[in-house]
Amino acid sequence: MAAIIVGTVSLTGIGPVMTEIVELLSGGNLMLVLVAVILILDTGQPTTANYIVVSTLMAPVIVELGALAGLVVPLIVVNRVVCYYGLMADITPAVGLASFAAAAIARSDPIKTGITAFDYSMRTAILPFLFIFNAQLLLIGFDNWFHLLRIISIAIIAMLVFAAATRGYFLVRSRWYESVALLLVTFALFRPGFFWDELYAPHVDVPSSEFMKLVEAAPASASKRVWIEGQNMDGKVVCKGVMLPLGDVGPARERLRKLGLTVVPMGNEMQIAQVQFGSKADKLGVEQGFRIATIEMPADLARAGALHAEMARRLLTLADYAVATGAQGLLFTCSAFGPCIDVVARHHPSLPVIKPNEVMIEDAMAAVVGGGCIGLVASLAPTLVSMPAEFPAAALLRTALAEDALTALDAGDGEKHDVLCVEAAARLAEQACTVIALAQLSLARAKMAVRQRTGLPVLSTVGSAVMRLLQRMS
């Protein structure tokens, strides 16, 4: 039976018709879309056949209409939802096979038994709504284990509150208005963004002209949420959201090529020139001839992202100028520009592009390969939080802050700066460190004084970087 239904859907083109039916019933409202899908999913089949049928019929419907409503739902979540509701048909009218069987055993009215069963199972019927709006419950997209635990805890509380509202009993029997209040609390816990997003927009729109820069600057395994619009094969103008997975770091066109997507600039816009059949982009619903309308970025990261893209553009302009004047290598004096330096390195693969922190860390690890401890001196306290994380996990590392050294240097007192640096390094030498690493570029001026005081090898970011650059250029 399942094979017959799947074959019918594939050969007759009923799939798009189902999308239109659900869209008509729901009026484009996402919540009503899910309700309409529930009504259509009553199949009363065994688990395997049920999944095959409902995933063929309804999964594409939720993905397509969710995208039109601005909700990008992972396909695995959609499949979980439709399978869940397909199985719910066993206890809910009009199919209600389990309810009808129970009614025969109890010699009760089948419809009343089905309605009662649905009333009791209403708490489980809303669970897939949690999956749609909180995919983290299915171990998708959570930041850390604390984040996952928080989501699960809130979901459990929401389910308990909903059960109390629908049964009319919390600590004591609830009045009708208390049940209404509990339902509102349940909705707020299910979808906190429904109210919060009205006050603070979760995303901001970035012009599509920035698309290629943002794609190239994105870290590995990142995704970009974009809005595309155009006329589909039915002549209907659509605008929908798509989450593009970008995969490994690389040039923008290479990352898009792996998606099966080719885009070309058209004035200030980006046009989708080609979508490879069967590619990831094709499965996401991206269509040839559509244009990228906007790119959505989280509001709290939008400013940082814009600054990053602008910084990358400026550094790339400087690098292009240096190469045009005959430069044979590029040395950046601050590794804080890390992602921007990566962009430059990808644009000039034939030239050595050096990050000072990485090179000094490699030299320090080589110095203690036979055993020993690295002493890290910094004149900025935040460096002693961020930089140790850049060392390999196996590194034995001790740190010291040359407090007020940078303040002294800013005031023009270089001698005091050097003395404070030497004192910090001396404290590390007393802790059995076998090599000293100077974190800031400004500390390099005290390198000789530190060596004389401690009698240990001393590394600086700029010194290691220059030596590595000369080696790669020779």
Protein backbone atom coordinates (compact mmCIF):
# COMPACT_ATOMS: atom_id res chain seq x y z
CA MET A 1 0.00 0.00 0.00
CA ALA A 2 2.81 2.42 0.94
CA ALA A 3 4.58 1.73 -2.38
CA ILE A 4 1.36 2.41 -4.30
CA ILE A 5 0.85 5.75 -2.55
CA VAL A 6 4.49 6.81 -3.05
CA GLY A 7 4.33 5.81 -6.71
CA THR A 8 1.11 7.73 -7.20
CA VAL A 9 2.63 10.86 -5.64
CA SER A 10 5.74 10.58 -7.82
CA LEU A 11 3.95 9.91 -11.13
CA THR A 12 0.94 12.21 -10.84
CA GLY A 13 2.61 15.31 -9.41
CA ILE A 14 0.19 15.45 -6.49
CA GLY A 15 3.00 16.70 -4.22
CA PRO A 16 2.79 20.37 -5.35
CA VAL A 17 -1.01 20.09 -5.19
CA MET A 18 -0.77 19.02 -1.55
CA THR A 19 1.35 22.09 -0.88
CA GLU A 20 -1.31 24.30 -2.44
CA ILE A 21 -4.09 22.59 -0.46
CA VAL A 22 -2.32 23.06 2.86
CA GLU A 23 -1.40 26.65 1.98
CA LEU A 24 -5.06 27.32 1.09
CA LEU A 25 -6.34 25.78 4.34
CA SER A 26 -3.80 27.63 6.48
CA GLY A 27 -3.76 30.98 4.71
CA GLY A 28 0.03 30.89 4.93
CA ASN A 29 0.01 30.96 8.76
CA LEU A 30 2.70 28.58 10.02
CA MET A 31 0.77 27.40 13.07
CA LEU A 32 -2.27 26.65 10.91
CA VAL A 33 0.03 24.90 8.42
CA LEU A 34 0.99 22.42 11.14
CA VAL A 35 -2.64 21.96 12.18
CA ALA A 36 -3.68 21.33 8.55
CA VAL A 37 -0.86 18.81 8.20
CA ILE A 38 -2.11 17.00 11.32
CA LEU A 39 -5.59 16.70 9.79
CA ILE A 40 -4.18 15.21 6.57
CA LEU A 41 -1.71 12.82 8.25
CA ASP A 42 -4.27 10.38 9.70
CA THR A 43 -3.22 7.18 7.91
CA GLY A 44 -3.63 4.36 10.43
CA GLN A 45 -0.79 2.29 8.97
CA PRO A 46 2.06 0.36 10.61
CA THR A 47 5.06 2.43 11.64
CA THR A 48 7.31 1.79 8.61
CA ALA A 49 4.57 2.22 6.01
CA ASN A 50 3.29 5.27 7.86
CA TYR A 51 6.69 6.95 7.75
CA ILE A 52 7.16 6.25 4.04
CA VAL A 53 3.76 7.71 3.17
CA VAL A 54 3.72 10.80 5.39
CA SER A 55 7.34 11.75 4.67
CA THR A 56 6.59 11.59 0.94
CA LEU A 57 3.36 13.55 1.18
CA MET A 58 3.86 16.10 3.94
CA ALA A 59 7.56 16.64 4.71
CA PRO A 60 8.14 18.73 1.55
CA VAL A 61 4.98 20.69 2.36
CA ILE A 62 6.22 21.79 5.78
CA VAL A 63 9.69 22.65 4.44
CA GLU A 64 8.29 24.71 1.56
CA LEU A 65 5.59 26.55 3.49
CA GLY A 66 7.91 27.03 6.47
CA ALA A 67 10.46 28.68 4.16
CA LEU A 68 7.74 30.97 2.76
CA ALA A 69 6.83 31.93 6.34
CA GLY A 70 10.46 32.68 7.18
CA LEU A 71 11.08 29.55 9.30
CA VAL A 72 13.97 27.39 8.14
CA VAL A 73 13.22 23.92 9.53
CA PRO A 74 15.89 21.18 9.30
CA LEU A 75 14.67 18.26 7.22
CA ILE A 76 15.36 15.74 9.99
CA VAL A 77 13.05 17.72 12.29
CA VAL A 78 10.30 17.74 9.66
CA ASN A 79 10.57 13.98 9.17
CA ARG A 80 10.34 13.47 12.92
CA VAL A 81 7.21 15.62 13.11
CA VAL A 82 5.30 13.98 10.26
CA CYS A 83 6.16 10.48 11.47
CA TYR A 84 5.02 11.36 14.98
CA TYR A 85 1.67 12.72 13.80
CA GLY A 86 1.19 9.82 11.42
CA LEU A 87 1.39 7.45 14.38
CA MET A 88 -0.96 9.63 16.42
CA ALA A 89 -3.69 8.60 13.95
CA ASP A 90 -4.00 5.33 15.86
CA ILE A 91 -5.76 7.07 18.75
CA THR A 92 -7.37 10.14 17.17
CA PRO A 93 -10.51 10.32 14.99
CA ALA A 94 -11.33 9.95 12.20
CA VAL A 95 -9.02 6.90 11.81
CA GLY A 96 -8.38 6.03 15.47
CA LEU A 97 -7.75 2.31 15.00
CA ALA A 98 -6.52 1.80 18.57
CA SER A 99 -9.40 3.84 19.97
CA PHE A 100 -11.95 1.85 17.96
CA ALA A 101 -10.41 -1.42 19.14
CA ALA A 102 -10.52 -0.20 22.74
CA ALA A 103 -14.17 0.86 22.28
CA ALA A 104 -15.06 -2.64 21.08
CA ILE A 105 -13.42 -4.17 24.15
CA ALA A 106 -15.08 -1.70 26.52
CA ARG A 107 -18.42 -1.83 24.64
CA SER A 108 -18.42 1.98 24.45
CA ASP A 109 -19.17 4.50 21.73
CA PRO A 110 -16.19 4.54 19.30
CA ILE A 111 -16.35 8.28 18.58
CA LYS A 112 -16.61 9.22 22.25
CA THR A 113 -13.74 6.85 23.02
CA GLY A 114 -11.64 8.46 20.28
CA ILE A 115 -12.40 11.97 21.52
CA THR A 116 -11.56 10.98 25.09
CA ALA A 117 -8.31 9.36 23.91
CA PHE A 118 -7.40 12.54 22.05
CA ASP A 119 -8.19 14.61 25.16
CA TYR A 120 -5.84 12.48 27.25
CA SER A 121 -3.11 12.44 24.58
CA MET A 122 -3.29 16.16 23.84
CA ARG A 123 -0.09 16.71 25.83
CA THR A 124 1.82 14.45 23.47
CA ALA A 125 0.09 15.91 20.42
CA ILE A 126 1.78 19.27 20.94
CA LEU A 127 5.27 17.80 21.39
CA PRO A 128 6.17 18.09 17.67
CA PHE A 129 5.47 21.83 17.89
CA LEU A 130 8.36 21.94 20.34
CA PHE A 131 10.57 20.18 17.80
CA ILE A 132 9.68 22.71 15.09
CA PHE A 133 10.53 25.77 17.15
CA ASN A 134 13.27 24.20 19.31
CA ALA A 135 15.31 21.84 17.13
CA GLN A 136 17.85 21.63 19.98
CA LEU A 137 15.55 19.04 21.59
CA LEU A 138 16.65 16.71 18.79
CA LEU A 139 20.33 17.54 19.48
CA ILE A 140 20.50 19.95 16.54
CA GLY A 141 22.17 23.36 16.78
CA PHE A 142 22.78 23.64 20.53
CA ASP A 143 25.77 25.72 21.65
CA ASN A 144 26.86 23.56 24.58
CA TRP A 145 25.51 20.99 27.01
CA PHE A 146 24.29 23.67 29.41
CA HIS A 147 22.29 25.23 26.56
CA LEU A 148 20.77 21.83 25.74
CA LEU A 149 19.91 21.18 29.40
CA ARG A 150 18.24 24.59 29.65
CA ILE A 151 16.13 23.94 26.54
CA ILE A 152 15.05 20.50 27.81
CA SER A 153 14.17 21.88 31.25
CA ILE A 154 12.03 24.65 29.78
CA ALA A 155 10.30 22.16 27.47
CA ILE A 156 9.45 19.88 30.41
CA ILE A 157 8.05 22.81 32.38
CA ALA A 158 6.00 23.90 29.35
CA MET A 159 4.55 20.41 28.95
CA LEU A 160 3.62 20.24 32.65
CA VAL A 161 1.99 23.67 32.52
CA PHE A 162 0.04 22.65 29.41
CA ALA A 163 -1.12 19.45 31.11
CA ALA A 164 -2.29 21.49 34.10
CA ALA A 165 -4.17 23.89 31.81
CA THR A 166 -5.94 21.21 29.78
CA ARG A 167 -6.86 19.07 32.84
CA GLY A 168 -8.05 22.11 34.81
CA TYR A 169 -5.92 21.25 37.81
CA PHE A 170 -2.63 22.71 38.98
CA LEU A 171 -1.96 22.60 42.75
CA VAL A 172 -5.71 22.77 43.22
CA ARG A 173 -8.56 22.79 40.71
CA SER A 174 -8.13 25.78 38.39
CA ARG A 175 -10.74 28.35 37.52
CA TRP A 176 -11.36 28.93 33.82
CA TYR A 177 -9.34 32.15 33.70
CA GLU A 178 -6.45 30.44 35.49
CA SER A 179 -6.46 27.73 32.81
CA VAL A 180 -6.38 30.45 30.14
CA ALA A 181 -3.43 32.07 31.91
CA LEU A 182 -1.64 28.71 32.02
CA LEU A 183 -2.19 28.29 28.27
CA LEU A 184 -0.64 31.72 27.68
CA VAL A 185 2.33 30.73 29.84
CA THR A 186 2.65 27.52 27.84
CA PHE A 187 2.68 29.42 24.55
CA ALA A 188 5.27 31.88 25.89
CA LEU A 189 7.51 28.96 26.91
CA PHE A 190 7.01 27.21 23.57
CA ARG A 191 7.74 30.30 21.52
CA PRO A 192 9.41 33.01 23.63
CA GLY A 193 10.49 34.77 20.45
CA PHE A 194 6.87 35.43 19.48
CA PHE A 195 6.71 38.27 22.01
CA TRP A 196 10.38 39.13 22.39
CA ASP A 197 11.00 39.48 18.66
CA GLU A 198 8.34 42.19 18.52
CA LEU A 199 10.52 44.32 20.79
CA TYR A 200 13.98 43.33 19.54
CA ALA A 201 14.46 41.99 16.03
CA PRO A 202 16.52 38.77 16.18
CA HIS A 203 18.03 39.36 12.73
CA VAL A 204 19.04 42.31 10.61
CA ASP A 205 19.11 42.38 6.83
CA VAL A 206 22.42 42.74 5.01
CA PRO A 207 22.42 43.76 1.31
CA SER A 208 22.94 40.90 -1.12
CA SER A 209 25.96 42.74 -2.55
CA GLU A 210 27.85 41.55 0.58
CA PHE A 211 26.95 37.91 -0.08
CA MET A 212 30.28 36.71 -1.50
CA LYS A 213 32.31 38.48 1.20
CA LEU A 214 30.22 37.00 3.98
CA VAL A 215 30.40 33.51 2.47
CA GLU A 216 34.18 33.67 2.18
CA ALA A 217 34.69 35.11 5.66
CA ALA A 218 32.38 32.57 7.36
CA PRO A 219 34.11 29.93 9.53
CA ALA A 220 34.05 26.21 8.75
CA SER A 221 30.65 24.46 8.97
CA ALA A 222 28.82 27.78 9.26
CA SER A 223 25.49 28.49 7.58
CA LYS A 224 24.08 31.60 5.97
CA ARG A 225 20.39 32.42 6.12
CA VAL A 226 19.35 34.14 2.89
CA TRP A 227 16.08 35.29 1.37
CA ILE A 228 15.60 34.47 -2.29
CA GLU A 229 12.78 35.62 -4.52
CA GLY A 230 11.68 35.09 -8.08
CA GLN A 231 9.08 33.49 -10.30
CA ASN A 232 8.66 29.73 -10.04
CA MET A 233 7.71 27.29 -12.79
CA ASP A 234 4.01 27.97 -12.17
CA GLY A 235 4.46 31.67 -12.82
CA LYS A 236 3.98 32.54 -9.15
CA VAL A 237 6.26 35.11 -7.52
CA VAL A 238 7.62 33.67 -4.27
CA CYS A 239 9.97 34.88 -1.57
CA LYS A 240 11.36 32.34 0.87
CA GLY A 241 14.14 31.84 3.38
CA VAL A 242 16.89 29.27 2.85
CA MET A 243 19.69 28.18 5.19
CA LEU A 244 22.81 27.52 3.10
CA PRO A 245 25.39 25.18 4.74
CA LEU A 246 28.84 26.44 3.73
CA GLY A 247 31.06 23.49 4.67
CA ASP A 248 34.83 23.86 4.83
CA VAL A 249 36.67 27.18 4.68
CA GLY A 250 37.64 28.28 1.19
CA PRO A 251 37.02 30.87 -1.53
CA ALA A 252 33.37 31.88 -1.81
CA ARG A 253 32.86 30.43 -5.29
CA GLU A 254 34.38 27.10 -4.25
CA ARG A 255 32.13 26.86 -1.20
CA LEU A 256 29.06 27.63 -3.32
CA ARG A 257 30.19 25.18 -6.01
CA LYS A 258 30.14 22.37 -3.46
CA LEU A 259 26.54 23.34 -2.77
CA GLY A 260 25.78 23.10 -6.50
CA LEU A 261 25.15 26.84 -6.67
CA THR A 262 26.49 29.48 -9.04
CA VAL A 263 25.72 33.17 -8.54
CA VAL A 264 26.60 36.22 -10.62
CA PRO A 265 26.43 39.93 -9.72
CA MET A 266 23.68 41.94 -11.41
CA GLY A 267 24.25 45.56 -10.42
CA ASN A 268 23.93 45.70 -6.65
CA GLU A 269 22.23 42.31 -6.47
CA MET A 270 23.26 38.68 -6.75
CA GLN A 271 21.49 36.50 -9.33
CA ILE A 272 21.31 32.71 -9.08
CA ALA A 273 22.74 31.66 -12.43
CA GLN A 274 22.73 27.88 -12.02
CA VAL A 275 21.52 25.23 -9.59
CA GLN A 276 22.97 21.75 -10.14
CA PHE A 277 20.31 19.04 -10.25
CA GLY A 278 20.27 16.87 -7.13
CA SER A 279 22.70 19.16 -5.28
CA LYS A 280 22.25 20.47 -1.74
CA ALA A 281 21.05 23.80 -3.11
CA ASP A 282 18.47 22.03 -5.28
CA LYS A 283 17.16 20.03 -2.31
CA LEU A 284 16.88 23.23 -0.29
CA GLY A 285 14.53 24.66 -2.89
CA VAL A 286 16.89 27.17 -4.49
CA GLU A 287 15.78 27.82 -8.07
CA GLN A 288 17.69 29.07 -11.10
CA GLY A 289 16.80 32.61 -12.09
CA PHE A 290 15.91 33.68 -8.55
CA ARG A 291 17.78 36.57 -6.99
CA ILE A 292 19.23 36.83 -3.49
CA ALA A 293 17.15 39.56 -1.88
CA THR A 294 18.84 39.88 1.52
CA ILE A 295 21.11 38.03 3.91
CA GLU A 296 19.96 37.69 7.52
CA MET A 297 22.46 37.95 10.35
CA PRO A 298 21.86 37.68 14.11
CA ALA A 299 21.35 41.19 15.46
CA ASP A 300 23.99 40.80 18.19
CA LEU A 301 26.59 39.69 15.63
CA ALA A 302 25.60 41.96 12.76
CA ARG A 303 27.78 44.85 13.81
CA ALA A 304 30.76 42.60 14.51
CA GLY A 305 30.16 40.81 11.20
CA ALA A 306 29.98 44.07 9.27
CA LEU A 307 33.20 45.26 10.88
CA HIS A 308 34.86 41.94 10.08
CA ALA A 309 33.83 42.11 6.42
CA GLU A 310 35.02 45.70 6.15
CA MET A 311 38.30 44.88 7.90
CA ALA A 312 38.86 41.91 5.58
CA ARG A 313 38.22 44.14 2.58
CA ARG A 314 40.71 46.75 3.78
CA LEU A 315 43.43 44.22 4.60
CA LEU A 316 42.91 42.55 1.24
CA THR A 317 43.25 45.93 -0.50
CA LEU A 318 46.54 46.55 1.34
CA ALA A 319 47.76 43.06 0.51
CA ASP A 320 46.87 43.50 -3.17
CA TYR A 321 48.81 46.77 -3.20
CA ALA A 322 51.84 45.14 -1.54
CA VAL A 323 51.82 42.29 -4.07
CA ALA A 324 51.47 44.74 -6.95
CA THR A 325 54.60 46.57 -5.75
CA GLY A 326 56.64 43.34 -5.73
CA ALA A 327 56.20 41.99 -2.18
CA GLN A 328 57.27 38.36 -1.88
CA GLY A 329 55.67 37.72 1.50
CA LEU A 330 53.08 39.21 3.86
CA LEU A 331 53.61 39.59 7.61
CA PHE A 332 50.80 40.70 9.91
CA THR A 333 51.91 42.08 13.27
CA CYS A 334 48.70 41.17 15.14
CA SER A 335 47.08 37.73 15.10
CA ALA A 336 43.79 39.24 16.32
CA PHE A 337 43.04 39.81 12.61
CA GLY A 338 43.03 36.00 12.24
CA PRO A 339 39.92 35.46 10.03
CA CYS A 340 40.84 38.49 7.89
CA ILE A 341 44.38 37.14 7.47
CA ASP A 342 42.88 33.84 6.31
CA VAL A 343 40.96 35.72 3.61
CA VAL A 344 44.20 37.34 2.41
CA ALA A 345 46.00 33.97 2.44
CA ARG A 346 43.29 32.40 0.27
CA HIS A 347 43.53 35.24 -2.25
CA HIS A 348 47.34 34.95 -2.43
CA PRO A 349 48.05 31.21 -2.06
CA SER A 350 51.48 31.47 -3.73
CA LEU A 351 52.85 33.90 -1.11
CA PRO A 352 53.83 33.16 2.50
CA VAL A 353 51.30 34.89 4.77
CA ILE A 354 52.42 34.83 8.40
CA LYS A 355 50.48 35.10 11.66
CA PRO A 356 52.94 35.96 14.46
CA ASN A 357 51.16 34.13 17.30
CA GLU A 358 51.03 30.81 15.46
CA VAL A 359 54.72 30.88 14.57
CA MET A 360 55.88 31.79 18.08
CA ILE A 361 53.72 29.01 19.56
CA GLU A 362 55.24 26.50 17.11
CA ASP A 363 58.76 27.66 18.07
CA ALA A 364 57.93 27.42 21.79
CA MET A 365 56.59 23.88 21.40
CA ALA A 366 59.71 22.90 19.47
CA ALA A 367 61.85 24.29 22.31
CA VAL A 368 60.20 21.99 24.89
CA VAL A 369 59.82 18.92 22.70
CA GLY A 370 62.09 16.93 25.03
CA GLY A 371 60.27 18.15 28.12
CA GLY A 372 59.98 21.53 29.78
CA CYS A 373 57.61 24.33 30.62
CA ILE A 374 56.73 27.44 28.59
CA GLY A 375 56.44 30.77 30.39
CA LEU A 376 54.09 33.27 28.71
CA VAL A 377 54.47 36.97 29.54
CA ALA A 378 51.78 39.47 28.53
CA SER A 379 51.20 43.15 29.19
CA LEU A 380 47.43 42.87 28.61
CA ALA A 381 45.38 40.75 31.02
CA PRO A 382 42.86 39.51 28.39
CA THR A 383 45.77 37.99 26.44
CA LEU A 384 46.38 35.56 29.31
CA VAL A 385 42.82 34.34 28.85
CA SER A 386 42.71 34.03 25.06
CA MET A 387 46.26 33.10 24.04
CA PRO A 388 46.79 29.98 26.22
CA ALA A 389 43.87 28.41 24.35
CA GLU A 390 45.92 28.68 21.14
CA PHE A 391 48.60 26.36 22.53
CA PRO A 392 48.28 22.58 22.05
CA ALA A 393 46.48 20.79 24.87
CA ALA A 394 49.69 18.90 25.74
CA ALA A 395 51.65 22.10 26.40
CA LEU A 396 52.82 22.76 29.98
CA LEU A 397 52.23 26.48 30.30
CA ARG A 398 52.61 29.09 33.03
CA THR A 399 51.65 32.75 32.66
CA ALA A 400 52.63 36.09 34.16
CA LEU A 401 51.21 39.59 33.69
CA ALA A 402 53.61 42.51 33.33
CA GLU A 403 51.13 44.78 35.08
CA ASP A 404 51.25 48.49 34.18
CA ALA A 405 53.99 47.84 31.59
CA LEU A 406 51.83 48.99 28.69
CA THR A 407 50.69 52.04 30.66
CA ALA A 408 54.30 52.99 31.24
CA LEU A 409 55.14 52.58 27.56
CA ASP A 410 52.14 54.71 26.56
CA ALA A 411 53.42 57.39 28.93
CA GLY A 412 56.81 57.31 27.21
CA ASP A 413 58.62 55.46 29.99
CA GLY A 414 60.19 52.62 28.02
CA GLU A 415 62.69 51.81 30.76
CA LYS A 416 59.93 51.11 33.32
CA HIS A 417 58.09 49.03 30.73
CA ASP A 418 61.17 46.83 30.23
CA VAL A 419 61.79 46.47 33.98
CA LEU A 420 58.21 45.28 34.59
CA CYS A 421 58.53 42.81 31.73
CA VAL A 422 61.81 41.44 33.09
CA GLU A 423 60.31 41.05 36.58
CA ALA A 424 57.34 39.08 35.18
CA ALA A 425 59.72 36.81 33.22
CA ALA A 426 61.90 36.31 36.31
CA ARG A 427 58.86 35.06 38.25
CA LEU A 428 58.29 32.46 35.54
CA ALA A 429 61.95 31.40 35.60
CA GLU A 430 61.60 30.77 39.33
CA GLN A 431 58.67 28.43 38.50
CA ALA A 432 61.00 26.14 36.47
CA CYS A 433 60.01 27.46 33.04
CA THR A 434 62.56 26.50 30.37
CA VAL A 435 61.60 29.00 27.66
CA ILE A 436 59.99 32.46 27.81
CA ALA A 437 57.46 33.64 25.22
CA LEU A 438 56.58 37.34 24.95
CA ALA A 439 52.96 37.72 23.84
CA GLN A 440 52.73 41.38 22.73
CA LEU A 441 54.72 43.00 19.93
CA SER A 442 55.68 45.83 22.31
CA LEU A 443 57.36 43.34 24.67
CA ALA A 444 59.93 42.43 22.00
CA ARG A 445 61.99 45.50 22.96
CA ALA A 446 62.73 43.82 26.34
CA LYS A 447 63.84 40.52 24.79
CA MET A 448 67.56 40.92 25.44
CA ALA A 449 67.02 42.17 28.99
CA VAL A 450 64.80 39.16 29.76
CA ARG A 451 67.42 36.77 28.36
CA GLN A 452 70.19 38.36 30.45
CA ARG A 453 68.10 38.19 33.64
CA THR A 454 66.74 34.65 33.25
CA GLY A 455 69.44 32.95 31.18
CA LEU A 456 66.63 31.22 29.22
CA PRO A 457 65.76 31.19 25.51
CA VAL A 458 63.32 34.05 24.80
CA LEU A 459 60.84 34.14 21.94
CA SER A 460 58.82 37.08 20.66
CA THR A 461 55.94 37.11 18.21
CA VAL A 462 57.64 39.47 15.77
CA GLY A 463 61.02 37.73 16.00
CA SER A 464 59.58 34.28 15.28
CA ALA A 465 57.38 35.65 12.49
CA VAL A 466 60.25 37.44 10.72
CA MET A 467 62.49 34.38 10.87
CA ARG A 468 59.74 32.14 9.51
CA LEU A 469 59.00 34.60 6.70
CA LEU A 470 62.65 34.73 5.69
CA GLN A 471 62.83 30.92 5.68
CA ARG A 472 59.78 30.58 3.43
CA MET A 473 61.00 33.29 1.06
CA SER A 474 64.48 31.79 0.67
